[in-house]
PDB file of N, CA and C in Angstrom:
ATOM      1  N   MET A   1     -32.772  72.218 -54.966  1.00  0.00           N
ATOM      2  CA  MET A   1     -34.054  71.639 -54.601  1.00  0.00           C
ATOM      3  C   MET A   1     -33.380  70.052 -55.111  1.00  0.00           C
ATOM      4  N   GLY A   2     -33.016  69.967 -55.910  1.00  0.00           N
ATOM      5  CA  GLY A   2     -32.335  68.539 -56.582  1.00  0.00           C
ATOM      6  C   GLY A   2     -33.197  68.119 -56.991  1.00  0.00           C
ATOM      7  N   LYS A   3     -34.095  66.880 -57.885  1.00  0.00           N
ATOM      8  CA  LYS A   3     -34.293  66.487 -58.887  1.00  0.00           C
ATOM      9  C   LYS A   3     -35.857  66.216 -57.587  1.00  0.00           C
ATOM     10  N   GLY A   4     -37.124  66.502 -58.979  1.00  0.00           N
ATOM     11  CA  GLY A   4     -38.820  66.287 -58.158  1.00  0.00           C
ATOM     12  C   GLY A   4     -38.995  67.654 -57.746  1.00  0.00           C
ATOM     13  N   SER A   5     -40.200  66.991 -56.657  1.00  0.00           N
ATOM     14  CA  SER A   5     -40.872  68.423 -56.626  1.00  0.00           C
ATOM     15  C   SER A   5     -40.472  68.476 -55.024  1.00  0.00           C
ATOM     16  N   LEU A   6     -41.026  69.851 -54.598  1.00  0.00           N
ATOM     17  CA  LEU A   6     -40.875  70.237 -53.464  1.00  0.00           C
ATOM     18  C   LEU A   6     -41.347  69.025 -52.226  1.00  0.00           C
ATOM     19  N   TYR A   7     -42.351  68.547 -52.561  1.00  0.00           N
ATOM     20  CA  TYR A   7     -42.579  67.490 -51.594  1.00  0.00           C
ATOM     21  C   TYR A   7     -41.806  66.431 -51.872  1.00  0.00           C
ATOM     22  N   GLY A   8     -41.183  66.084 -52.367  1.00  0.00           N
ATOM     23  CA  GLY A   8     -40.255  65.190 -52.641  1.00  0.00           C
ATOM     24  C   GLY A   8     -39.263  65.603 -51.649  1.00  0.00           C
ATOM     25  N   ARG A   9     -38.407  66.519 -51.695  1.00  0.00           N
ATOM     26  CA  ARG A   9     -37.949  66.538 -50.922  1.00  0.00           C
ATOM     27  C   ARG A   9     -38.544  67.080 -49.196  1.00  0.00           C
ATOM     28  N   PHE A  10     -39.368  67.341 -49.461  1.00  0.00           N
ATOM     29  CA  PHE A  10     -39.921  66.472 -48.252  1.00  0.00           C
ATOM     30  C   PHE A  10     -40.244  64.928 -47.730  1.00  0.00           C
ATOM     31  N   GLU A  11     -40.351  64.761 -48.352  1.00  0.00           N
ATOM     32  CA  GLU A  11     -40.343  63.454 -48.134  1.00  0.00           C
ATOM     33  C   GLU A  11     -39.556  62.928 -47.713  1.00  0.00           C
ATOM     34  N   ASP A  12     -37.974  63.025 -48.460  1.00  0.00           N
ATOM     35  CA  ASP A  12     -37.123  62.464 -48.136  1.00  0.00           C
ATOM     36  C   ASP A  12     -36.729  62.934 -46.906  1.00  0.00           C
ATOM     37  N   ARG A  13     -37.274  63.870 -46.072  1.00  0.00           N
ATOM     38  CA  ARG A  13     -37.195  64.293 -44.974  1.00  0.00           C
ATOM     39  C   ARG A  13     -37.691  63.652 -44.007  1.00  0.00           C
ATOM     40  N   GLY A  14     -38.867  63.119 -44.393  1.00  0.00           N
ATOM     41  CA  GLY A  14     -39.808  61.988 -43.149  1.00  0.00           C
ATOM     42  C   GLY A  14     -41.240  62.176 -43.389  1.00  0.00           C
ATOM     43  N   HIS A  15     -41.042  63.435 -44.236  1.00  0.00           N
ATOM     44  CA  HIS A  15     -43.068  64.258 -44.188  1.00  0.00           C
ATOM     45  C   HIS A  15     -43.507  63.810 -45.117  1.00  0.00           C
ATOM     46  N   ARG A  16     -44.478  62.555 -45.601  1.00  0.00           N
ATOM     47  CA  ARG A  16     -44.792  62.361 -46.477  1.00  0.00           C
ATOM     48  C   ARG A  16     -46.552  63.245 -46.197  1.00  0.00           C
ATOM     49  N   ILE A  17     -46.224  63.219 -47.731  1.00  0.00           N
ATOM     50  CA  ILE A  17     -48.066  64.591 -47.570  1.00  0.00           C
ATOM     51  C   ILE A  17     -48.832  64.030 -47.870  1.00  0.00           C
ATOM     52  N   THR A  18     -50.122  64.170 -47.157  1.00  0.00           N
ATOM     53  CA  THR A  18     -51.409  62.963 -46.842  1.00  0.00           C
ATOM     54  C   THR A  18     -52.677  64.202 -47.351  1.00  0.00           C
ATOM     55  N   TRP A  19     -52.165  65.393 -46.981  1.00  0.00           N
ATOM     56  CA  TRP A  19     -54.092  65.837 -46.449  1.00  0.00           C
ATOM     57  C   TRP A  19     -53.460  67.417 -46.928  1.00  0.00           C
ATOM     58  N   ILE A  20     -54.316  67.944 -47.396  1.00  0.00           N
ATOM     59  CA  ILE A  20     -53.889  69.386 -47.804  1.00  0.00           C
ATOM     60  C   ILE A  20     -55.219  70.724 -47.094  1.00  0.00           C
ATOM     61  N   ARG A  21     -54.659  71.127 -46.122  1.00  0.00           N
ATOM     62  CA  ARG A  21     -55.703  72.000 -45.491  1.00  0.00           C
ATOM     63  C   ARG A  21     -55.268  73.452 -46.211  1.00  0.00           C
ATOM     64  N   GLU A  22     -56.400  74.659 -46.711  1.00  0.00           N
ATOM     65  CA  GLU A  22     -56.222  75.912 -46.814  1.00  0.00           C
ATOM     66  C   GLU A  22     -57.439  76.341 -46.084  1.00  0.00           C
ATOM     67  N   GLU A  23     -57.011  77.354 -45.846  1.00  0.00           N
ATOM     68  CA  GLU A  23     -58.042  78.681 -45.364  1.00  0.00           C
ATOM     69  C   GLU A  23     -58.121  79.835 -45.795  1.00  0.00           C
ATOM     70  N   SER A  24     -59.415  80.360 -46.399  1.00  0.00           N
ATOM     71  CA  SER A  24     -59.271  81.283 -46.998  1.00  0.00           C
ATOM     72  C   SER A  24     -59.954  82.465 -46.002  1.00  0.00           C
ATOM     73  N   THR A  25     -59.664  83.588 -45.942  1.00  0.00           N
ATOM     74  CA  THR A  25     -60.614  85.157 -45.608  1.00  0.00           C
ATOM     75  C   THR A  25     -60.253  85.649 -47.191  1.00  0.00           C
ATOM     76  N   SER A  26     -61.199  87.209 -46.312  1.00  0.00           N
ATOM     77  CA  SER A  26     -61.214  88.181 -47.475  1.00  0.00           C
ATOM     78  C   SER A  26     -61.332  89.657 -46.410  1.00  0.00           C
ATOM     79  N   HIS A  27     -60.714  90.405 -46.695  1.00  0.00           N
ATOM     80  CA  HIS A  27     -60.621  91.523 -46.274  1.00  0.00           C
ATOM     81  C   HIS A  27     -60.656  92.908 -46.518  1.00  0.00           C
ATOM     82  N   MET A  28     -60.553  93.546 -46.637  1.00  0.00           N
ATOM     83  CA  MET A  28     -60.210  95.256 -46.900  1.00  0.00           C
ATOM     84  C   MET A  28     -58.777  95.621 -46.559  1.00  0.00           C
ATOM     85  N   PRO A  29     -57.673  95.575 -48.333  1.00  0.00           N
ATOM     86  CA  PRO A  29     -56.394  95.452 -47.362  1.00  0.00           C
ATOM     87  C   PRO A  29     -55.776  96.552 -47.093  1.00  0.00           C
ATOM     88  N   ILE A  30     -54.860  96.323 -45.643  1.00  0.00           N
ATOM     89  CA  ILE A  30     -54.067  97.175 -44.112  1.00  0.00           C
ATOM     90  C   ILE A  30     -53.363  98.208 -45.592  1.00  0.00           C
ATOM     91  N   PRO A  31     -52.830  99.671 -44.935  1.00  0.00           N
ATOM     92  CA  PRO A  31     -51.923 100.131 -46.238  1.00  0.00           C
ATOM     93  C   PRO A  31     -50.508  99.698 -46.757  1.00  0.00           C
ATOM     94  N   THR A  32     -50.184  98.686 -46.409  1.00  0.00           N
ATOM     95  CA  THR A  32     -48.783  97.920 -46.845  1.00  0.00           C
ATOM     96  C   THR A  32     -49.296  96.819 -48.286  1.00  0.00           C
ATOM     97  N   GLU A  33     -50.836  96.210 -47.979  1.00  0.00           N
ATOM     98  CA  GLU A  33     -50.839  95.528 -48.764  1.00  0.00           C
ATOM     99  C   GLU A  33     -51.295  96.566 -50.037  1.00  0.00           C
ATOM    100  N   THR A  34     -52.404  97.737 -50.138  1.00  0.00           N
ATOM    101  CA  THR A  34     -52.601  98.354 -51.071  1.00  0.00           C
ATOM    102  C   THR A  34     -51.587  98.700 -51.731  1.00  0.00           C
ATOM    103  N   GLU A  35     -50.163  99.119 -50.541  1.00  0.00           N
ATOM    104  CA  GLU A  35     -48.891  99.560 -51.624  1.00  0.00           C
ATOM    105  C   GLU A  35     -48.337  98.310 -52.612  1.00  0.00           C
ATOM    106  N   ARG A  36     -48.080  97.082 -51.575  1.00  0.00           N
ATOM    107  CA  ARG A  36     -47.230  96.493 -52.375  1.00  0.00           C
ATOM    108  C   ARG A  36     -47.962  95.925 -53.566  1.00  0.00           C
ATOM    109  N   LEU A  37     -49.373  95.625 -53.560  1.00  0.00           N
ATOM    110  CA  LEU A  37     -50.015  94.895 -54.460  1.00  0.00           C
ATOM    111  C   LEU A  37     -50.488  95.946 -55.729  1.00  0.00           C
ATOM    112  N   ALA A  38     -50.515  97.053 -54.998  1.00  0.00           N
ATOM    113  CA  ALA A  38     -50.688  98.461 -56.319  1.00  0.00           C
ATOM    114  C   ALA A  38     -52.491  97.956 -56.335  1.00  0.00           C
ATOM    115  N   ILE A  39     -52.949  98.121 -55.091  1.00  0.00           N
ATOM    116  CA  ILE A  39     -54.479  98.076 -55.296  1.00  0.00           C
ATOM    117  C   ILE A  39     -55.614  99.132 -55.161  1.00  0.00           C
ATOM    118  N   PRO A  40     -56.009  99.613 -56.447  1.00  0.00           N
ATOM    119  CA  PRO A  40     -56.962 100.724 -56.115  1.00  0.00           C
ATOM    120  C   PRO A  40     -57.871 100.787 -54.910  1.00  0.00           C
ATOM    121  N   ALA A  41     -58.159 101.891 -55.122  1.00  0.00           N
ATOM    122  CA  ALA A  41     -59.378 101.837 -53.102  1.00  0.00           C
ATOM    123  C   ALA A  41     -60.209 100.635 -53.653  1.00  0.00           C
ATOM    124  N   GLY A  42     -61.305 100.763 -52.791  1.00  0.00           N
ATOM    125  CA  GLY A  42     -62.098  99.800 -53.003  1.00  0.00           C
ATOM    126  C   GLY A  42     -61.935  98.347 -53.334  1.00  0.00           C
ATOM    127  N   VAL A  43     -60.952  98.071 -53.608  1.00  0.00           N
ATOM    128  CA  VAL A  43     -60.708  96.556 -53.983  1.00  0.00           C
ATOM    129  C   VAL A  43     -60.188  95.673 -52.500  1.00  0.00           C
ATOM    130  N   PRO A  44     -60.759  94.893 -52.193  1.00  0.00           N
ATOM    131  CA  PRO A  44     -60.685  93.676 -50.995  1.00  0.00           C
ATOM    132  C   PRO A  44     -59.597  93.057 -51.844  1.00  0.00           C
ATOM    133  N   VAL A  45     -58.807  92.396 -50.613  1.00  0.00           N
ATOM    134  CA  VAL A  45     -57.858  90.996 -50.921  1.00  0.00           C
ATOM    135  C   VAL A  45     -58.520  90.099 -50.123  1.00  0.00           C
ATOM    136  N   ILE A  46     -57.769  88.670 -50.726  1.00  0.00           N
ATOM    137  CA  ILE A  46     -58.360  87.416 -50.235  1.00  0.00           C
ATOM    138  C   ILE A  46     -57.001  86.839 -49.910  1.00  0.00           C
ATOM    139  N   ASN A  47     -56.761  86.387 -48.552  1.00  0.00           N
ATOM    140  CA  ASN A  47     -56.085  85.305 -48.305  1.00  0.00           C
ATOM    141  C   ASN A  47     -55.905  83.974 -47.642  1.00  0.00           C
ATOM    142  N   VAL A  48     -55.227  83.390 -48.291  1.00  0.00           N
ATOM    143  CA  VAL A  48     -55.189  81.697 -48.160  1.00  0.00           C
ATOM    144  C   VAL A  48     -53.802  81.310 -47.866  1.00  0.00           C
ATOM    145  N   ILE A  49     -54.276  80.559 -46.289  1.00  0.00           N
ATOM    146  CA  ILE A  49     -52.892  79.806 -45.506  1.00  0.00           C
ATOM    147  C   ILE A  49     -53.713  78.378 -46.283  1.00  0.00           C
ATOM    148  N   HIS A  50     -51.662  77.793 -46.710  1.00  0.00           N
ATOM    149  CA  HIS A  50     -51.970  76.545 -47.173  1.00  0.00           C
ATOM    150  C   HIS A  50     -51.358  75.803 -46.114  1.00  0.00           C
ATOM    151  N   THR A  51     -51.506  74.977 -46.042  1.00  0.00           N
ATOM    152  CA  THR A  51     -50.734  74.069 -44.760  1.00  0.00           C
ATOM    153  C   THR A  51     -50.849  72.229 -45.417  1.00  0.00           C
ATOM    154  N   GLY A  52     -49.644  71.688 -45.353  1.00  0.00           N
ATOM    155  CA  GLY A  52     -49.358  71.110 -45.898  1.00  0.00           C
ATOM    156  C   GLY A  52     -49.359  69.393 -44.621  1.00  0.00           C
ATOM    157  N   ILE A  53     -49.963  68.580 -44.661  1.00  0.00           N
ATOM    158  CA  ILE A  53     -50.171  67.957 -43.140  1.00  0.00           C
ATOM    159  C   ILE A  53     -49.469  66.231 -43.370  1.00  0.00           C
ATOM    160  N   ASN A  54     -48.417  65.816 -42.777  1.00  0.00           N
ATOM    161  CA  ASN A  54     -47.667  64.505 -42.958  1.00  0.00           C
ATOM    162  C   ASN A  54     -48.980  63.056 -42.785  1.00  0.00           C
ATOM    163  N   GLN A  55     -48.220  62.420 -42.570  1.00  0.00           N
ATOM    164  CA  GLN A  55     -48.425  60.936 -42.825  1.00  0.00           C
ATOM    165  C   GLN A  55     -48.814  61.047 -40.998  1.00  0.00           C
ATOM    166  N   ASP A  56     -48.839  61.173 -40.042  1.00  0.00           N
ATOM    167  CA  ASP A  56     -49.187  61.846 -38.251  1.00  0.00           C
ATOM    168  C   ASP A  56     -49.800  62.317 -38.318  1.00  0.00           C
ATOM    169  N   GLN A  57     -50.137  63.056 -39.255  1.00  0.00           N
ATOM    170  CA  GLN A  57     -51.546  64.235 -38.956  1.00  0.00           C
ATOM    171  C   GLN A  57     -51.127  65.202 -38.372  1.00  0.00           C
ATOM    172  N   GLN A  58     -49.672  65.556 -38.590  1.00  0.00           N
ATOM    173  CA  GLN A  58     -48.746  66.949 -38.244  1.00  0.00           C
ATOM    174  C   GLN A  58     -48.873  67.889 -39.410  1.00  0.00           C
ATOM    175  N   PRO A  59     -48.908  69.047 -39.219  1.00  0.00           N
ATOM    176  CA  PRO A  59     -48.625  70.346 -40.853  1.00  0.00           C
ATOM    177  C   PRO A  59     -47.138  70.153 -40.457  1.00  0.00           C
ATOM    178  N   PHE A  60     -46.796  70.322 -41.685  1.00  0.00           N
ATOM    179  CA  PHE A  60     -45.160  70.582 -42.026  1.00  0.00           C
ATOM    180  C   PHE A  60     -44.820  71.765 -42.959  1.00  0.00           C
ATOM    181  N   GLU A  61     -45.578  72.557 -43.239  1.00  0.00           N
ATOM    182  CA  GLU A  61     -45.120  73.388 -43.946  1.00  0.00           C
ATOM    183  C   GLU A  61     -46.502  74.208 -44.690  1.00  0.00           C
ATOM    184  N   VAL A  62     -46.438  75.355 -44.600  1.00  0.00           N
ATOM    185  CA  VAL A  62     -47.551  76.600 -44.327  1.00  0.00           C
ATOM    186  C   VAL A  62     -46.868  77.463 -45.093  1.00  0.00           C
ATOM    187  N   THR A  63     -47.762  77.865 -46.235  1.00  0.00           N
ATOM    188  CA  THR A  63     -47.700  79.186 -47.178  1.00  0.00           C
ATOM    189  C   THR A  63     -48.441  80.063 -46.742  1.00  0.00           C
ATOM    190  N   THR A  64     -48.824  81.321 -47.237  1.00  0.00           N
ATOM    191  CA  THR A  64     -49.241  82.188 -47.421  1.00  0.00           C
ATOM    192  C   THR A  64     -49.463  83.373 -48.432  1.00  0.00           C
ATOM    193  N   PHE A  65     -50.643  83.332 -48.970  1.00  0.00           N
ATOM    194  CA  PHE A  65     -50.893  84.291 -50.210  1.00  0.00           C
ATOM    195  C   PHE A  65     -51.900  85.003 -49.363  1.00  0.00           C
ATOM    196  N   THR A  66     -51.478  86.238 -50.821  1.00  0.00           N
ATOM    197  CA  THR A  66     -52.235  87.323 -50.220  1.00  0.00           C
ATOM    198  C   THR A  66     -52.697  87.461 -51.531  1.00  0.00           C
ATOM    199  N   MET A  67     -53.612  88.414 -52.742  1.00  0.00           N
ATOM    200  CA  MET A  67     -54.028  88.250 -53.974  1.00  0.00           C
ATOM    201  C   MET A  67     -55.637  89.261 -53.941  1.00  0.00           C
ATOM    202  N   ARG A  68     -55.088  90.221 -54.870  1.00  0.00           N
ATOM    203  CA  ARG A  68     -56.130  90.738 -55.401  1.00  0.00           C
ATOM    204  C   ARG A  68     -57.438  90.500 -55.457  1.00  0.00           C
ATOM    205  N   VAL A  69     -58.211  90.631 -55.255  1.00  0.00           N
ATOM    206  CA  VAL A  69     -59.786  89.759 -55.759  1.00  0.00           C
ATOM    207  C   VAL A  69     -59.884  90.128 -57.067  1.00  0.00           C
ATOM    208  N   ASP A  70     -59.402  91.214 -57.234  1.00  0.00           N
ATOM    209  CA  ASP A  70     -59.948  91.663 -58.860  1.00  0.00           C
ATOM    210  C   ASP A  70     -59.297  90.694 -59.743  1.00  0.00           C
ATOM    211  N   LEU A  71     -58.453  90.312 -59.415  1.00  0.00           N
ATOM    212  CA  LEU A  71     -57.501  90.036 -60.560  1.00  0.00           C
ATOM    213  C   LEU A  71     -57.178  88.019 -60.425  1.00  0.00           C
ATOM    214  N   ASN A  72     -57.436  87.518 -59.640  1.00  0.00           N
ATOM    215  CA  ASN A  72     -57.513  86.315 -58.798  1.00  0.00           C
ATOM    216  C   ASN A  72     -58.678  85.713 -58.619  1.00  0.00           C
ATOM    217  N   GLY A  73     -58.552  84.706 -58.881  1.00  0.00           N
ATOM    218  CA  GLY A  73     -59.743  83.065 -58.416  1.00  0.00           C
ATOM    219  C   GLY A  73     -59.630  82.341 -57.883  1.00  0.00           C
ATOM    220  N   LEU A  74     -59.861  81.346 -57.345  1.00  0.00           N
ATOM    221  CA  LEU A  74     -59.179  79.979 -56.883  1.00  0.00           C
ATOM    222  C   LEU A  74     -60.575  78.996 -57.273  1.00  0.00           C
ATOM    223  N   ASP A  75     -59.511  77.617 -57.534  1.00  0.00           N
ATOM    224  CA  ASP A  75     -59.513  76.795 -57.823  1.00  0.00           C
ATOM    225  C   ASP A  75     -59.292  75.716 -57.537  1.00  0.00           C
ATOM    226  N   TYR A  76     -60.074  74.525 -56.942  1.00  0.00           N
ATOM    227  CA  TYR A  76     -59.053  73.697 -55.937  1.00  0.00           C
ATOM    228  C   TYR A  76     -59.284  72.598 -56.571  1.00  0.00           C
ATOM    229  N   ARG A  77     -58.267  71.765 -56.593  1.00  0.00           N
ATOM    230  CA  ARG A  77     -58.264  70.278 -57.328  1.00  0.00           C
ATOM    231  C   ARG A  77     -57.022  69.360 -56.292  1.00  0.00           C
ATOM    232  N   ILE A  78     -57.161  69.274 -55.118  1.00  0.00           N
ATOM    233  CA  ILE A  78     -56.090  68.188 -54.273  1.00  0.00           C
ATOM    234  C   ILE A  78     -56.014  67.062 -54.228  1.00  0.00           C
ATOM    235  N   HIS A  79     -55.756  66.525 -54.709  1.00  0.00           N
ATOM    236  CA  HIS A  79     -55.534  64.694 -55.299  1.00  0.00           C
ATOM    237  C   HIS A  79     -54.331  64.412 -54.438  1.00  0.00           C
ATOM    238  N   ILE A  80     -54.791  63.592 -53.287  1.00  0.00           N
ATOM    239  CA  ILE A  80     -53.167  62.748 -52.823  1.00  0.00           C
ATOM    240  C   ILE A  80     -53.265  61.427 -52.533  1.00  0.00           C
ATOM    241  N   GLU A  81     -52.031  61.508 -53.343  1.00  0.00           N
ATOM    242  CA  GLU A  81     -51.929  59.748 -53.064  1.00  0.00           C
ATOM    243  C   GLU A  81     -51.302  58.586 -52.053  1.00  0.00           C
ATOM    244  N   ASP A  82     -51.524  57.798 -51.907  1.00  0.00           N
ATOM    245  CA  ASP A  82     -50.861  57.361 -50.954  1.00  0.00           C
ATOM    246  C   ASP A  82     -49.552  56.151 -51.647  1.00  0.00           C
TER     247      ASP A  82
END
């Protein structure tokens, strides 16, 4: 990736991050999630869709996460400097 952060590399390509949006939902796991995450019966998952938004208000980076709720939590501190 080179020197600096992932967002530094995006900025090199003209995408300066100005906003982050994260959407979260929860549900009971589907069979592939149960298998891949080794989830015991009765444990739900949380899905997070993380979107980086640039200076033109355009999304340029999307990451999705699926986590067991019994082993994970969410703590948001999103500060974007100009």
